[in-house]
Amino acid sequence: MQPPPPRPRRKHRIAKWLQDIRTYHKSVKFLIPRASFVRLAKEIIHEFSLENRITADAMSAIQESMEIYLTQLFEGSFLCAVHRKRVTILPKDLHLARRLRREHN
């Protein structure tokens, strides 16, 4: 009688989350729905001036750059949380990630 085959090893949750982050980095589609982002962007633009219009290409560029920034920020804050042996991201992790990126505020 042969011994049973070895069980496949399970990945750690942290490794899976990092893999998900890398997958989203490589994806082409937007993570935030277009209509919600446009509504928020127009609201912010309206606070600064009354008569501004933005083309669809410019709005896509703004959304793409904003999503890249947020993805990198959350990845950094997640690594800060993992370093502290936590899984949950706390506000202090976001602050630390921004300080490490030399973004003061």
C-alpha atoms as a PDB file:
ATOM      1  CA  MET A   1       0.000   0.000   0.000  1.00  0.00           C
ATOM      2  CA  GLN A   2       1.352   3.356  -1.023  1.00  0.00           C
ATOM      3  CA  PRO A   3       1.277   6.411   1.224  1.00  0.00           C
ATOM      4  CA  PRO A   4      -1.232   9.098   0.257  1.00  0.00           C
ATOM      5  CA  PRO A   5       0.099  11.842  -2.023  1.00  0.00           C
ATOM      6  CA  PRO A   6       1.270  14.964  -0.210  1.00  0.00           C
ATOM      7  CA  ARG A   7      -1.246  17.744   0.170  1.00  0.00           C
ATOM      8  CA  PRO A   8      -0.650  20.844  -1.923  1.00  0.00           C
ATOM      9  CA  ARG A   9       0.799  23.600   0.215  1.00  0.00           C
ATOM     10  CA  ARG A  10      -1.480  26.515   0.901  1.00  0.00           C
ATOM     11  CA  LYS A  11      -0.180  29.980   0.245  1.00  0.00           C
ATOM     12  CA  HIS A  12      -0.102  32.368   3.104  1.00  0.00           C
ATOM     13  CA  ARG A  13      -2.813  34.997   3.039  1.00  0.00           C
ATOM     14  CA  ILE A  14      -0.226  37.740   2.813  1.00  0.00           C
ATOM     15  CA  ALA A  15       1.399  36.182  -0.248  1.00  0.00           C
ATOM     16  CA  LYS A  16      -1.996  35.895  -1.918  1.00  0.00           C
ATOM     17  CA  TRP A  17      -2.813  39.538  -1.207  1.00  0.00           C
ATOM     18  CA  LEU A  18       0.516  40.665  -2.609  1.00  0.00           C
ATOM     19  CA  GLN A  19      -0.181  38.555  -5.683  1.00  0.00           C
ATOM     20  CA  ASP A  20      -3.586  40.262  -6.028  1.00  0.00           C
ATOM     21  CA  ILE A  21      -1.918  43.666  -5.779  1.00  0.00           C
ATOM     22  CA  ARG A  22       0.520  42.727  -8.521  1.00  0.00           C
ATOM     23  CA  THR A  23      -2.358  41.460 -10.668  1.00  0.00           C
ATOM     24  CA  TYR A  24      -4.177  44.776 -10.311  1.00  0.00           C
ATOM     25  CA  HIS A  25      -0.927  46.583 -11.174  1.00  0.00           C
ATOM     26  CA  LYS A  26      -0.808  44.731 -14.482  1.00  0.00           C
ATOM     27  CA  SER A  27      -4.495  45.104 -15.328  1.00  0.00           C
ATOM     28  CA  VAL A  28      -5.597  47.580 -17.970  1.00  0.00           C
ATOM     29  CA  LYS A  29      -9.129  48.344 -16.789  1.00  0.00           C
ATOM     30  CA  PHE A  30      -9.961  50.965 -14.176  1.00  0.00           C
ATOM     31  CA  LEU A  31     -10.647  49.820 -10.613  1.00  0.00           C
ATOM     32  CA  ILE A  32     -12.954  52.731  -9.752  1.00  0.00           C
ATOM     33  CA  PRO A  33     -16.167  52.993 -11.807  1.00  0.00           C
ATOM     34  CA  ARG A  34     -15.936  55.733 -14.422  1.00  0.00           C
ATOM     35  CA  ALA A  35     -19.161  57.560 -13.523  1.00  0.00           C
ATOM     36  CA  SER A  36     -18.313  57.772  -9.822  1.00  0.00           C
ATOM     37  CA  PHE A  37     -14.843  59.104 -10.533  1.00  0.00           C
ATOM     38  CA  VAL A  38     -16.091  61.717 -13.028  1.00  0.00           C
ATOM     39  CA  ARG A  39     -18.704  62.918 -10.539  1.00  0.00           C
ATOM     40  CA  LEU A  40     -16.103  63.306  -7.797  1.00  0.00           C
ATOM     41  CA  ALA A  41     -13.582  64.998 -10.104  1.00  0.00           C
ATOM     42  CA  LYS A  42     -16.161  67.498 -11.370  1.00  0.00           C
ATOM     43  CA  GLU A  43     -17.163  68.305  -7.799  1.00  0.00           C
ATOM     44  CA  ILE A  44     -13.544  69.006  -6.850  1.00  0.00           C
ATOM     45  CA  ILE A  45     -12.936  71.070  -9.996  1.00  0.00           C
ATOM     46  CA  HIS A  46     -16.090  73.079  -9.329  1.00  0.00           C
ATOM     47  CA  GLU A  47     -14.758  74.044  -5.879  1.00  0.00           C
ATOM     48  CA  PHE A  48     -11.765  75.775  -7.459  1.00  0.00           C
ATOM     49  CA  SER A  49     -13.428  77.444 -10.449  1.00  0.00           C
ATOM     50  CA  LEU A  50     -16.830  77.716 -12.045  1.00  0.00           C
ATOM     51  CA  GLU A  51     -16.067  77.567 -15.771  1.00  0.00           C
ATOM     52  CA  ASN A  52     -13.755  74.613 -16.384  1.00  0.00           C
ATOM     53  CA  ARG A  53     -14.292  71.776 -18.806  1.00  0.00           C
ATOM     54  CA  ILE A  54     -12.228  68.642 -19.172  1.00  0.00           C
ATOM     55  CA  THR A  55     -12.055  66.372 -22.196  1.00  0.00           C
ATOM     56  CA  ALA A  56     -12.702  62.654 -21.875  1.00  0.00           C
ATOM     57  CA  ASP A  57      -9.051  61.863 -22.630  1.00  0.00           C
ATOM     58  CA  ALA A  58      -7.881  64.227 -19.889  1.00  0.00           C
ATOM     59  CA  MET A  59     -10.335  62.661 -17.433  1.00  0.00           C
ATOM     60  CA  SER A  60      -9.020  59.192 -18.325  1.00  0.00           C
ATOM     61  CA  ALA A  61      -5.448  60.363 -17.758  1.00  0.00           C
ATOM     62  CA  ILE A  62      -6.370  61.849 -14.382  1.00  0.00           C
ATOM     63  CA  GLN A  63      -8.166  58.663 -13.343  1.00  0.00           C
ATOM     64  CA  GLU A  64      -5.290  56.454 -14.465  1.00  0.00           C
ATOM     65  CA  SER A  65      -2.676  58.478 -12.596  1.00  0.00           C
ATOM     66  CA  MET A  66      -4.865  58.654  -9.486  1.00  0.00           C
ATOM     67  CA  GLU A  67      -5.415  54.892  -9.462  1.00  0.00           C
ATOM     68  CA  ILE A  68      -1.683  54.234  -9.881  1.00  0.00           C
ATOM     69  CA  TYR A  69      -0.945  56.584  -6.977  1.00  0.00           C
ATOM     70  CA  LEU A  70      -3.551  54.980  -4.705  1.00  0.00           C
ATOM     71  CA  THR A  71      -2.476  51.440  -5.596  1.00  0.00           C
ATOM     72  CA  GLN A  72       1.139  52.215  -4.747  1.00  0.00           C
ATOM     73  CA  LEU A  73       0.130  53.988  -1.547  1.00  0.00           C
ATOM     74  CA  PHE A  74      -2.008  51.063  -0.374  1.00  0.00           C
ATOM     75  CA  GLU A  75       0.721  48.597  -1.312  1.00  0.00           C
ATOM     76  CA  GLY A  76       3.217  50.547   0.788  1.00  0.00           C
ATOM     77  CA  SER A  77       0.824  50.825   3.715  1.00  0.00           C
ATOM     78  CA  PHE A  78       0.069  47.103   3.489  1.00  0.00           C
ATOM     79  CA  LEU A  79       3.784  46.320   3.666  1.00  0.00           C
ATOM     80  CA  CYS A  80       4.040  48.605   6.720  1.00  0.00           C
ATOM     81  CA  ALA A  81       1.214  46.659   8.364  1.00  0.00           C
ATOM     82  CA  VAL A  82       2.839  43.324   7.527  1.00  0.00           C
ATOM     83  CA  HIS A  83       6.108  44.569   8.986  1.00  0.00           C
ATOM     84  CA  ARG A  84       4.264  45.233  12.254  1.00  0.00           C
ATOM     85  CA  LYS A  85       2.859  41.668  12.032  1.00  0.00           C
ATOM     86  CA  ARG A  86      -0.668  42.868  11.324  1.00  0.00           C
ATOM     87  CA  VAL A  87      -3.003  42.142   8.454  1.00  0.00           C
ATOM     88  CA  THR A  88      -5.277  45.153   8.828  1.00  0.00           C
ATOM     89  CA  ILE A  89      -4.171  48.504   7.430  1.00  0.00           C
ATOM     90  CA  LEU A  90      -4.524  51.294   9.983  1.00  0.00           C
ATOM     91  CA  PRO A  91      -4.330  55.065   9.413  1.00  0.00           C
ATOM     92  CA  LYS A  92      -0.860  55.111  10.953  1.00  0.00           C
ATOM     93  CA  ASP A  93       0.285  52.720   8.199  1.00  0.00           C
ATOM     94  CA  LEU A  94      -0.934  55.154   5.553  1.00  0.00           C
ATOM     95  CA  HIS A  95       0.848  58.023   7.317  1.00  0.00           C
ATOM     96  CA  LEU A  96       4.062  56.003   7.524  1.00  0.00           C
ATOM     97  CA  ALA A  97       3.865  55.010   3.862  1.00  0.00           C
ATOM     98  CA  ARG A  98       3.410  58.665   2.870  1.00  0.00           C
ATOM     99  CA  ARG A  99       6.369  59.708   5.043  1.00  0.00           C
ATOM    100  CA  LEU A 100       8.532  57.022   3.496  1.00  0.00           C
ATOM    101  CA  ARG A 101       7.562  58.348   0.062  1.00  0.00           C
ATOM    102  CA  ARG A 102       8.538  61.818   1.334  1.00  0.00           C
ATOM    103  CA  GLU A 103       5.011  63.193   0.981  1.00  0.00           C
ATOM    104  CA  HIS A 104       4.545  65.490   3.923  1.00  0.00           C
ATOM    105  CA  ASN A 105       1.071  66.330   5.204  1.00  0.00           C
END
